[in-house]
Every structure is written in C-alpha cells, then in structure tokens.
Amino acid sequence: MSDLTVGPGTQVTLHFTLKLPDGEVVDSTLERDPATFVVGDGNLLPGFEKALFGLAVGARDHFLIPPEDGFGRPNPNNIQQIPRDQFPRDIELAEGLMVSFADAKNAELPGVIAKVTDSQVDVDFNHPLAGRDITFEVEIIDVSPARTH
C-alpha cells in the first residue's frame, strides 16, 4: 500500500458519480469499470482534478464543484440562430431536442434546440451542464506515479 496521494505527476484510478443539486445522477462509473487518468492529461476538468489533490487510496469524498470550476457559465454567444430551412423537413424540431452538427473539422458538435419559429431555430451549443453546480463523489482506487514516455 502506497502513501502516494493524488497530485501532479500521478495516475489515478477512481469511481465517480456526478450529480445535479436535485440529486439527479448525470454520470457514474459505479456500474462499470473505474476511470483512470493522469493528472493534467485533459481527461478531467482542472476544477475536478484539484478537488482530488491530497486524496490517497481508499479515500471516499464528495465535493461541490461550482460552474467556474466545472463546465463554465453559459455563453450567450454559443446560441446560434439557424434558418429553419437548413434542417430536414422530416425532423420534428422541439425545444430541448438535442441535435448533432459537424463543426469545421467535421467533429460532432451537439446542440440543444432552444427556440423554434417558422423561419428560424435557436440552437444552444453551451455544454448542457454549463451554469450548474455539480456534486462530485469519488472513491480513490489507485494512485501511482504517472508513466512518462
């Protein structure tokens, strides 16, 4: 058993659950394999990583991650107005519907329909969790030195 704790230069294996303030589970590894990442590799948002610093194997904890340290605040510039005729006629557009678009590099870009009129559709490209407080529950399974290439 190592006394290594989570911090820069470590690889971490953990189970996690993300919850909204009302208790709704947004994501969890509890029913699948635990997640493994290297601190700073970009697989976990920095605010979530920093909450883990100092935890050792066996630690169980929960943290309230505010929007500034999580998925950010909604940006009004991320709501795009798209002409209605740019959408296939056979798609039933409704507020709250998630639609997939391709960005300039042909990567998938999800957007949520915010408003529909006869001539225009407002699509919100903010992260669905932007502006939300997130409860981050964790159980640290392993902490090891990160392998360098």
N, C-alpha and C. Protein backbone atom coordinates (compact mmCIF):
# COMPACT_ATOMS: atom_id res chain seq x y z
N MET A 1 0.85 -1.18 0.00
CA MET A 1 0.00 0.00 0.00
C MET A 1 0.89 1.24 0.00
N SER A 2 0.66 2.08 -0.95
CA SER A 2 1.47 3.29 -1.11
C SER A 2 0.86 4.45 -0.33
N ASP A 3 1.70 5.37 0.07
CA ASP A 3 1.17 6.57 0.72
C ASP A 3 1.13 7.73 -0.27
N LEU A 4 1.25 7.41 -1.55
CA LEU A 4 1.18 8.41 -2.60
C LEU A 4 -0.23 9.01 -2.64
N THR A 5 -0.32 10.33 -2.82
CA THR A 5 -1.62 10.99 -2.91
C THR A 5 -1.80 11.60 -4.30
N VAL A 6 -3.03 11.90 -4.64
CA VAL A 6 -3.35 12.49 -5.94
C VAL A 6 -2.71 13.87 -6.04
N GLY A 7 -2.04 14.12 -7.16
CA GLY A 7 -1.42 15.41 -7.42
C GLY A 7 -0.71 15.34 -8.76
N PRO A 8 -0.02 16.41 -9.14
CA PRO A 8 0.71 16.42 -10.40
C PRO A 8 1.69 15.23 -10.46
N GLY A 9 1.78 14.62 -11.63
CA GLY A 9 2.70 13.50 -11.80
C GLY A 9 2.14 12.17 -11.36
N THR A 10 0.81 12.10 -11.10
CA THR A 10 0.23 10.83 -10.68
C THR A 10 -0.81 10.35 -11.68
N GLN A 11 -0.96 9.04 -11.69
CA GLN A 11 -2.05 8.40 -12.43
C GLN A 11 -3.06 7.93 -11.39
N VAL A 12 -4.34 8.20 -11.65
CA VAL A 12 -5.38 7.94 -10.67
C VAL A 12 -6.44 7.01 -11.27
N THR A 13 -6.84 6.01 -10.50
CA THR A 13 -7.98 5.17 -10.86
C THR A 13 -9.04 5.40 -9.79
N LEU A 14 -10.26 5.71 -10.23
CA LEU A 14 -11.31 6.03 -9.27
C LEU A 14 -12.68 5.68 -9.81
N HIS A 15 -13.61 5.55 -8.89
CA HIS A 15 -15.02 5.52 -9.23
C HIS A 15 -15.54 6.91 -8.94
N PHE A 16 -16.45 7.40 -9.79
CA PHE A 16 -17.02 8.72 -9.55
C PHE A 16 -18.50 8.72 -9.90
N THR A 17 -19.19 9.68 -9.31
CA THR A 17 -20.57 9.97 -9.65
C THR A 17 -20.72 11.48 -9.71
N LEU A 18 -21.34 11.97 -10.79
CA LEU A 18 -21.66 13.39 -10.92
C LEU A 18 -23.16 13.55 -10.72
N LYS A 19 -23.53 14.47 -9.82
CA LYS A 19 -24.94 14.70 -9.53
C LYS A 19 -25.27 16.19 -9.64
N LEU A 20 -26.51 16.45 -10.05
CA LEU A 20 -27.04 17.80 -10.03
C LEU A 20 -27.53 18.11 -8.61
N PRO A 21 -27.79 19.40 -8.32
CA PRO A 21 -28.24 19.75 -6.97
C PRO A 21 -29.50 19.00 -6.51
N ASP A 22 -30.36 18.60 -7.45
CA ASP A 22 -31.58 17.88 -7.04
C ASP A 22 -31.33 16.39 -6.82
N GLY A 23 -30.06 15.95 -6.96
CA GLY A 23 -29.72 14.56 -6.73
C GLY A 23 -29.71 13.70 -7.99
N GLU A 24 -30.15 14.28 -9.13
CA GLU A 24 -30.14 13.52 -10.39
C GLU A 24 -28.71 13.15 -10.77
N VAL A 25 -28.48 11.86 -11.05
CA VAL A 25 -27.16 11.40 -11.46
C VAL A 25 -26.97 11.70 -12.95
N VAL A 26 -25.89 12.42 -13.26
CA VAL A 26 -25.58 12.80 -14.64
C VAL A 26 -24.65 11.76 -15.26
N ASP A 27 -23.70 11.26 -14.48
CA ASP A 27 -22.75 10.27 -14.96
C ASP A 27 -22.19 9.54 -13.75
N SER A 28 -21.83 8.27 -13.96
CA SER A 28 -21.27 7.49 -12.86
C SER A 28 -20.53 6.29 -13.43
N THR A 29 -19.45 5.89 -12.75
CA THR A 29 -18.72 4.68 -13.13
C THR A 29 -19.09 3.51 -12.23
N LEU A 30 -19.99 3.71 -11.29
CA LEU A 30 -20.26 2.66 -10.30
C LEU A 30 -20.75 1.36 -10.92
N GLU A 31 -21.43 1.42 -12.04
CA GLU A 31 -21.96 0.22 -12.70
C GLU A 31 -21.04 -0.27 -13.82
N ARG A 32 -19.86 0.32 -13.92
CA ARG A 32 -18.92 -0.09 -14.98
C ARG A 32 -17.50 -0.01 -14.42
N ASP A 33 -16.52 -0.19 -15.29
CA ASP A 33 -15.13 -0.13 -14.85
C ASP A 33 -14.79 1.26 -14.33
N PRO A 34 -13.89 1.35 -13.35
CA PRO A 34 -13.48 2.66 -12.86
C PRO A 34 -12.74 3.44 -13.96
N ALA A 35 -12.64 4.73 -13.76
CA ALA A 35 -11.93 5.61 -14.69
C ALA A 35 -10.47 5.72 -14.26
N THR A 36 -9.58 5.81 -15.25
CA THR A 36 -8.16 6.02 -14.98
C THR A 36 -7.69 7.20 -15.82
N PHE A 37 -6.96 8.10 -15.20
CA PHE A 37 -6.43 9.26 -15.92
C PHE A 37 -5.13 9.69 -15.27
N VAL A 38 -4.33 10.45 -16.01
CA VAL A 38 -3.11 11.06 -15.50
C VAL A 38 -3.45 12.51 -15.20
N VAL A 39 -3.12 12.98 -14.00
CA VAL A 39 -3.41 14.36 -13.62
C VAL A 39 -2.79 15.29 -14.67
N GLY A 40 -3.61 16.16 -15.22
CA GLY A 40 -3.15 17.13 -16.21
C GLY A 40 -3.27 16.66 -17.65
N ASP A 41 -3.79 15.44 -17.89
CA ASP A 41 -3.86 14.96 -19.28
C ASP A 41 -5.08 15.46 -20.04
N GLY A 42 -5.95 16.23 -19.37
CA GLY A 42 -7.11 16.80 -20.04
C GLY A 42 -8.35 15.92 -20.01
N ASN A 43 -8.25 14.71 -19.45
CA ASN A 43 -9.42 13.83 -19.38
C ASN A 43 -10.40 14.25 -18.30
N LEU A 44 -9.94 15.03 -17.35
CA LEU A 44 -10.79 15.52 -16.27
C LEU A 44 -10.61 17.02 -16.20
N LEU A 45 -11.70 17.77 -16.05
CA LEU A 45 -11.59 19.22 -15.95
C LEU A 45 -10.71 19.60 -14.77
N PRO A 46 -9.89 20.66 -14.91
CA PRO A 46 -8.96 21.04 -13.83
C PRO A 46 -9.63 21.23 -12.48
N GLY A 47 -10.83 21.81 -12.44
CA GLY A 47 -11.51 22.01 -11.16
C GLY A 47 -11.85 20.71 -10.47
N PHE A 48 -12.16 19.67 -11.25
CA PHE A 48 -12.44 18.35 -10.68
C PHE A 48 -11.13 17.72 -10.21
N GLU A 49 -10.07 17.88 -11.01
CA GLU A 49 -8.76 17.32 -10.61
C GLU A 49 -8.29 17.92 -9.29
N LYS A 50 -8.34 19.24 -9.19
CA LYS A 50 -7.83 19.92 -7.98
C LYS A 50 -8.57 19.46 -6.73
N ALA A 51 -9.86 19.14 -6.87
CA ALA A 51 -10.62 18.67 -5.71
C ALA A 51 -10.04 17.37 -5.17
N LEU A 52 -9.40 16.60 -6.04
CA LEU A 52 -8.85 15.30 -5.65
C LEU A 52 -7.47 15.38 -5.00
N PHE A 53 -6.79 16.51 -5.17
CA PHE A 53 -5.41 16.63 -4.68
C PHE A 53 -5.33 16.30 -3.20
N GLY A 54 -4.37 15.45 -2.84
CA GLY A 54 -4.14 15.08 -1.45
C GLY A 54 -4.87 13.82 -1.03
N LEU A 55 -5.79 13.31 -1.88
CA LEU A 55 -6.50 12.08 -1.52
C LEU A 55 -5.62 10.86 -1.81
N ALA A 56 -5.76 9.84 -0.98
CA ALA A 56 -4.98 8.61 -1.12
C ALA A 56 -5.91 7.44 -1.41
N VAL A 57 -5.30 6.30 -1.73
CA VAL A 57 -6.07 5.08 -2.00
C VAL A 57 -7.02 4.80 -0.83
N GLY A 58 -8.26 4.48 -1.17
CA GLY A 58 -9.26 4.17 -0.16
C GLY A 58 -10.11 5.37 0.24
N ALA A 59 -9.68 6.57 -0.12
CA ALA A 59 -10.44 7.77 0.26
C ALA A 59 -11.77 7.80 -0.48
N ARG A 60 -12.81 8.19 0.25
CA ARG A 60 -14.13 8.44 -0.33
C ARG A 60 -14.50 9.85 0.09
N ASP A 61 -14.92 10.66 -0.87
CA ASP A 61 -15.27 12.03 -0.52
C ASP A 61 -16.25 12.56 -1.56
N HIS A 62 -16.80 13.73 -1.27
CA HIS A 62 -17.66 14.40 -2.25
C HIS A 62 -17.36 15.89 -2.19
N PHE A 63 -17.51 16.53 -3.34
CA PHE A 63 -17.15 17.94 -3.48
C PHE A 63 -18.25 18.64 -4.26
N LEU A 64 -18.54 19.88 -3.91
CA LEU A 64 -19.45 20.70 -4.70
C LEU A 64 -18.58 21.52 -5.65
N ILE A 65 -18.75 21.28 -6.93
CA ILE A 65 -17.95 21.96 -7.95
C ILE A 65 -18.83 23.07 -8.56
N PRO A 66 -18.47 24.35 -8.33
CA PRO A 66 -19.27 25.43 -8.92
C PRO A 66 -19.01 25.53 -10.43
N PRO A 67 -19.90 26.20 -11.16
CA PRO A 67 -19.74 26.29 -12.62
C PRO A 67 -18.35 26.78 -13.05
N GLU A 68 -17.78 27.73 -12.32
CA GLU A 68 -16.48 28.29 -12.70
C GLU A 68 -15.38 27.24 -12.69
N ASP A 69 -15.51 26.22 -11.86
CA ASP A 69 -14.50 25.16 -11.78
C ASP A 69 -14.94 23.90 -12.51
N GLY A 70 -16.16 23.92 -13.06
CA GLY A 70 -16.69 22.75 -13.74
C GLY A 70 -16.87 23.00 -15.23
N PHE A 71 -18.13 23.12 -15.64
CA PHE A 71 -18.46 23.21 -17.06
C PHE A 71 -18.66 24.65 -17.52
N GLY A 72 -18.33 25.62 -16.66
CA GLY A 72 -18.39 27.03 -17.03
C GLY A 72 -19.78 27.62 -16.95
N ARG A 73 -19.83 28.90 -17.22
CA ARG A 73 -21.09 29.63 -17.28
C ARG A 73 -21.60 29.60 -18.72
N PRO A 74 -22.91 29.59 -18.91
CA PRO A 74 -23.42 29.66 -20.28
C PRO A 74 -22.96 30.94 -20.97
N ASN A 75 -22.60 30.82 -22.22
CA ASN A 75 -22.15 31.96 -23.01
C ASN A 75 -23.23 32.26 -24.04
N PRO A 76 -23.82 33.48 -23.98
CA PRO A 76 -24.88 33.81 -24.94
C PRO A 76 -24.41 33.71 -26.40
N ASN A 77 -23.11 33.87 -26.63
CA ASN A 77 -22.58 33.76 -27.99
C ASN A 77 -22.62 32.33 -28.52
N ASN A 78 -22.86 31.36 -27.63
CA ASN A 78 -22.94 29.96 -28.05
C ASN A 78 -24.36 29.56 -28.45
N ILE A 79 -25.26 30.54 -28.51
CA ILE A 79 -26.61 30.28 -29.03
C ILE A 79 -26.65 30.83 -30.45
N GLN A 80 -26.82 29.92 -31.40
CA GLN A 80 -26.78 30.29 -32.81
C GLN A 80 -28.19 30.26 -33.40
N GLN A 81 -28.45 31.23 -34.27
CA GLN A 81 -29.73 31.28 -34.98
C GLN A 81 -29.50 30.69 -36.37
N ILE A 82 -30.22 29.62 -36.65
CA ILE A 82 -30.06 28.89 -37.91
C ILE A 82 -31.39 28.93 -38.66
N PRO A 83 -31.35 29.27 -39.95
CA PRO A 83 -32.60 29.28 -40.72
C PRO A 83 -33.29 27.91 -40.66
N ARG A 84 -34.60 27.93 -40.50
CA ARG A 84 -35.39 26.70 -40.39
C ARG A 84 -35.17 25.79 -41.59
N ASP A 85 -34.99 26.38 -42.77
CA ASP A 85 -34.85 25.55 -43.98
C ASP A 85 -33.50 24.83 -44.06
N GLN A 86 -32.61 25.06 -43.09
CA GLN A 86 -31.34 24.33 -43.03
C GLN A 86 -31.51 22.95 -42.39
N PHE A 87 -32.68 22.72 -41.82
CA PHE A 87 -32.98 21.43 -41.18
C PHE A 87 -33.86 20.62 -42.11
N PRO A 88 -33.67 19.29 -42.11
CA PRO A 88 -34.55 18.45 -42.93
C PRO A 88 -36.01 18.64 -42.50
N ARG A 89 -36.91 18.64 -43.48
CA ARG A 89 -38.33 18.85 -43.19
C ARG A 89 -38.92 17.73 -42.35
N ASP A 90 -38.32 16.53 -42.42
CA ASP A 90 -38.90 15.39 -41.70
C ASP A 90 -38.48 15.33 -40.23
N ILE A 91 -37.65 16.26 -39.80
CA ILE A 91 -37.26 16.29 -38.39
C ILE A 91 -38.22 17.19 -37.62
N GLU A 92 -38.76 16.67 -36.54
CA GLU A 92 -39.67 17.46 -35.72
C GLU A 92 -38.86 18.23 -34.70
N LEU A 93 -38.71 19.51 -34.91
CA LEU A 93 -37.90 20.35 -34.03
C LEU A 93 -38.73 20.80 -32.83
N ALA A 94 -38.20 20.58 -31.66
CA ALA A 94 -38.89 20.98 -30.43
C ALA A 94 -37.85 21.45 -29.42
N GLU A 95 -38.25 22.39 -28.57
CA GLU A 95 -37.35 22.87 -27.54
C GLU A 95 -36.87 21.71 -26.68
N GLY A 96 -35.57 21.69 -26.39
CA GLY A 96 -34.99 20.63 -25.56
C GLY A 96 -34.42 19.47 -26.36
N LEU A 97 -34.75 19.40 -27.66
CA LEU A 97 -34.23 18.32 -28.50
C LEU A 97 -32.74 18.51 -28.74
N MET A 98 -31.95 17.45 -28.54
CA MET A 98 -30.53 17.54 -28.83
C MET A 98 -30.31 17.13 -30.28
N VAL A 99 -29.58 17.96 -31.00
CA VAL A 99 -29.30 17.73 -32.41
C VAL A 99 -27.79 17.72 -32.59
N SER A 100 -27.31 16.85 -33.46
CA SER A 100 -25.88 16.74 -33.70
C SER A 100 -25.51 17.47 -34.98
N PHE A 101 -24.48 18.28 -34.89
CA PHE A 101 -23.96 19.03 -36.03
C PHE A 101 -22.51 18.64 -36.23
N ALA A 102 -21.93 19.00 -37.35
CA ALA A 102 -20.50 18.81 -37.60
C ALA A 102 -19.84 20.18 -37.53
N ASP A 103 -18.73 20.28 -36.79
CA ASP A 103 -18.04 21.56 -36.74
C ASP A 103 -17.11 21.68 -37.95
N ALA A 104 -16.28 22.73 -37.98
CA ALA A 104 -15.42 22.98 -39.13
C ALA A 104 -14.44 21.84 -39.40
N LYS A 105 -14.10 21.09 -38.36
CA LYS A 105 -13.16 19.96 -38.52
C LYS A 105 -13.90 18.63 -38.66
N ASN A 106 -15.22 18.70 -38.88
CA ASN A 106 -16.08 17.54 -39.02
C ASN A 106 -16.23 16.72 -37.74
N ALA A 107 -15.91 17.32 -36.61
CA ALA A 107 -16.13 16.65 -35.32
C ALA A 107 -17.59 16.88 -34.93
N GLU A 108 -18.13 15.92 -34.16
CA GLU A 108 -19.52 16.04 -33.73
C GLU A 108 -19.67 17.18 -32.73
N LEU A 109 -20.68 17.99 -32.94
CA LEU A 109 -20.95 19.13 -32.06
C LEU A 109 -22.42 19.08 -31.68
N PRO A 110 -22.73 18.68 -30.44
CA PRO A 110 -24.14 18.62 -30.03
C PRO A 110 -24.68 20.01 -29.70
N GLY A 111 -25.93 20.22 -30.05
CA GLY A 111 -26.61 21.46 -29.72
C GLY A 111 -28.02 21.13 -29.26
N VAL A 112 -28.57 21.98 -28.41
CA VAL A 112 -29.92 21.77 -27.89
C VAL A 112 -30.82 22.86 -28.48
N ILE A 113 -31.95 22.44 -29.03
CA ILE A 113 -32.89 23.39 -29.59
C ILE A 113 -33.46 24.25 -28.46
N ALA A 114 -33.25 25.56 -28.56
CA ALA A 114 -33.71 26.48 -27.52
C ALA A 114 -35.03 27.15 -27.90
N LYS A 115 -35.25 27.37 -29.21
CA LYS A 115 -36.46 28.06 -29.67
C LYS A 115 -36.68 27.73 -31.13
N VAL A 116 -37.95 27.57 -31.51
CA VAL A 116 -38.29 27.27 -32.90
C VAL A 116 -39.38 28.23 -33.36
N THR A 117 -39.14 28.87 -34.51
CA THR A 117 -40.19 29.66 -35.17
C THR A 117 -40.33 29.12 -36.59
N ASP A 118 -41.24 29.70 -37.36
CA ASP A 118 -41.44 29.24 -38.73
C ASP A 118 -40.20 29.45 -39.59
N SER A 119 -39.43 30.47 -39.26
CA SER A 119 -38.29 30.80 -40.12
C SER A 119 -36.92 30.52 -39.51
N GLN A 120 -36.87 30.33 -38.20
CA GLN A 120 -35.56 30.23 -37.56
C GLN A 120 -35.58 29.26 -36.37
N VAL A 121 -34.40 28.69 -36.11
CA VAL A 121 -34.22 27.78 -34.98
C VAL A 121 -33.03 28.30 -34.17
N ASP A 122 -33.24 28.53 -32.88
CA ASP A 122 -32.14 28.91 -31.99
C ASP A 122 -31.57 27.62 -31.40
N VAL A 123 -30.26 27.43 -31.58
CA VAL A 123 -29.60 26.23 -31.09
C VAL A 123 -28.55 26.64 -30.06
N ASP A 124 -28.63 26.04 -28.88
CA ASP A 124 -27.71 26.34 -27.78
C ASP A 124 -26.57 25.32 -27.80
N PHE A 125 -25.36 25.83 -28.07
CA PHE A 125 -24.17 24.97 -28.12
C PHE A 125 -23.37 25.01 -26.82
N ASN A 126 -23.91 25.64 -25.77
CA ASN A 126 -23.25 25.58 -24.46
C ASN A 126 -23.28 24.13 -23.97
N HIS A 127 -22.30 23.77 -23.15
CA HIS A 127 -22.33 22.43 -22.55
C HIS A 127 -23.62 22.31 -21.75
N PRO A 128 -24.30 21.15 -21.82
CA PRO A 128 -25.57 21.00 -21.08
C PRO A 128 -25.44 21.23 -19.58
N LEU A 129 -24.25 21.10 -19.02
CA LEU A 129 -24.06 21.31 -17.58
C LEU A 129 -23.50 22.70 -17.26
N ALA A 130 -23.36 23.56 -18.28
CA ALA A 130 -22.88 24.92 -18.04
C ALA A 130 -23.83 25.63 -17.10
N GLY A 131 -23.25 26.34 -16.13
CA GLY A 131 -24.05 27.10 -15.18
C GLY A 131 -24.59 26.29 -14.03
N ARG A 132 -24.27 25.01 -13.97
CA ARG A 132 -24.81 24.13 -12.93
C ARG A 132 -23.74 23.81 -11.89
N ASP A 133 -24.15 23.78 -10.62
CA ASP A 133 -23.30 23.23 -9.57
C ASP A 133 -23.35 21.71 -9.72
N ILE A 134 -22.22 21.06 -9.55
CA ILE A 134 -22.13 19.61 -9.70
C ILE A 134 -21.55 19.02 -8.42
N THR A 135 -22.22 18.00 -7.88
CA THR A 135 -21.64 17.25 -6.76
C THR A 135 -20.81 16.12 -7.37
N PHE A 136 -19.55 16.06 -6.97
CA PHE A 136 -18.57 15.12 -7.50
C PHE A 136 -18.23 14.16 -6.36
N GLU A 137 -18.76 12.93 -6.44
CA GLU A 137 -18.49 11.91 -5.42
C GLU A 137 -17.42 10.97 -5.96
N VAL A 138 -16.42 10.67 -5.13
CA VAL A 138 -15.30 9.86 -5.59
C VAL A 138 -14.91 8.79 -4.58
N GLU A 139 -14.36 7.72 -5.11
CA GLU A 139 -13.67 6.70 -4.32
C GLU A 139 -12.35 6.44 -5.03
N ILE A 140 -11.25 6.71 -4.36
CA ILE A 140 -9.92 6.53 -4.96
C ILE A 140 -9.53 5.06 -4.85
N ILE A 141 -9.29 4.42 -5.99
CA ILE A 141 -8.94 3.00 -6.02
C ILE A 141 -7.43 2.80 -6.11
N ASP A 142 -6.76 3.65 -6.89
CA ASP A 142 -5.31 3.51 -7.04
C ASP A 142 -4.69 4.86 -7.37
N VAL A 143 -3.51 5.11 -6.84
CA VAL A 143 -2.71 6.28 -7.17
C VAL A 143 -1.30 5.76 -7.41
N SER A 144 -0.75 6.05 -8.58
CA SER A 144 0.60 5.61 -8.89
C SER A 144 1.34 6.72 -9.63
N PRO A 145 2.68 6.61 -9.66
CA PRO A 145 3.41 7.62 -10.45
C PRO A 145 3.00 7.49 -11.92
N ALA A 146 2.81 8.64 -12.57
CA ALA A 146 2.45 8.63 -13.99
C ALA A 146 3.65 8.17 -14.80
N ARG A 147 3.38 7.35 -15.80
CA ARG A 147 4.46 6.90 -16.67
C ARG A 147 4.78 8.01 -17.66
N THR A 148 6.03 8.29 -17.82
CA THR A 148 6.45 9.30 -18.82
C THR A 148 7.02 8.57 -20.01
N HIS A 149 6.76 9.13 -21.16
CA HIS A 149 7.20 8.47 -22.40
C HIS A 149 8.60 8.87 -22.74
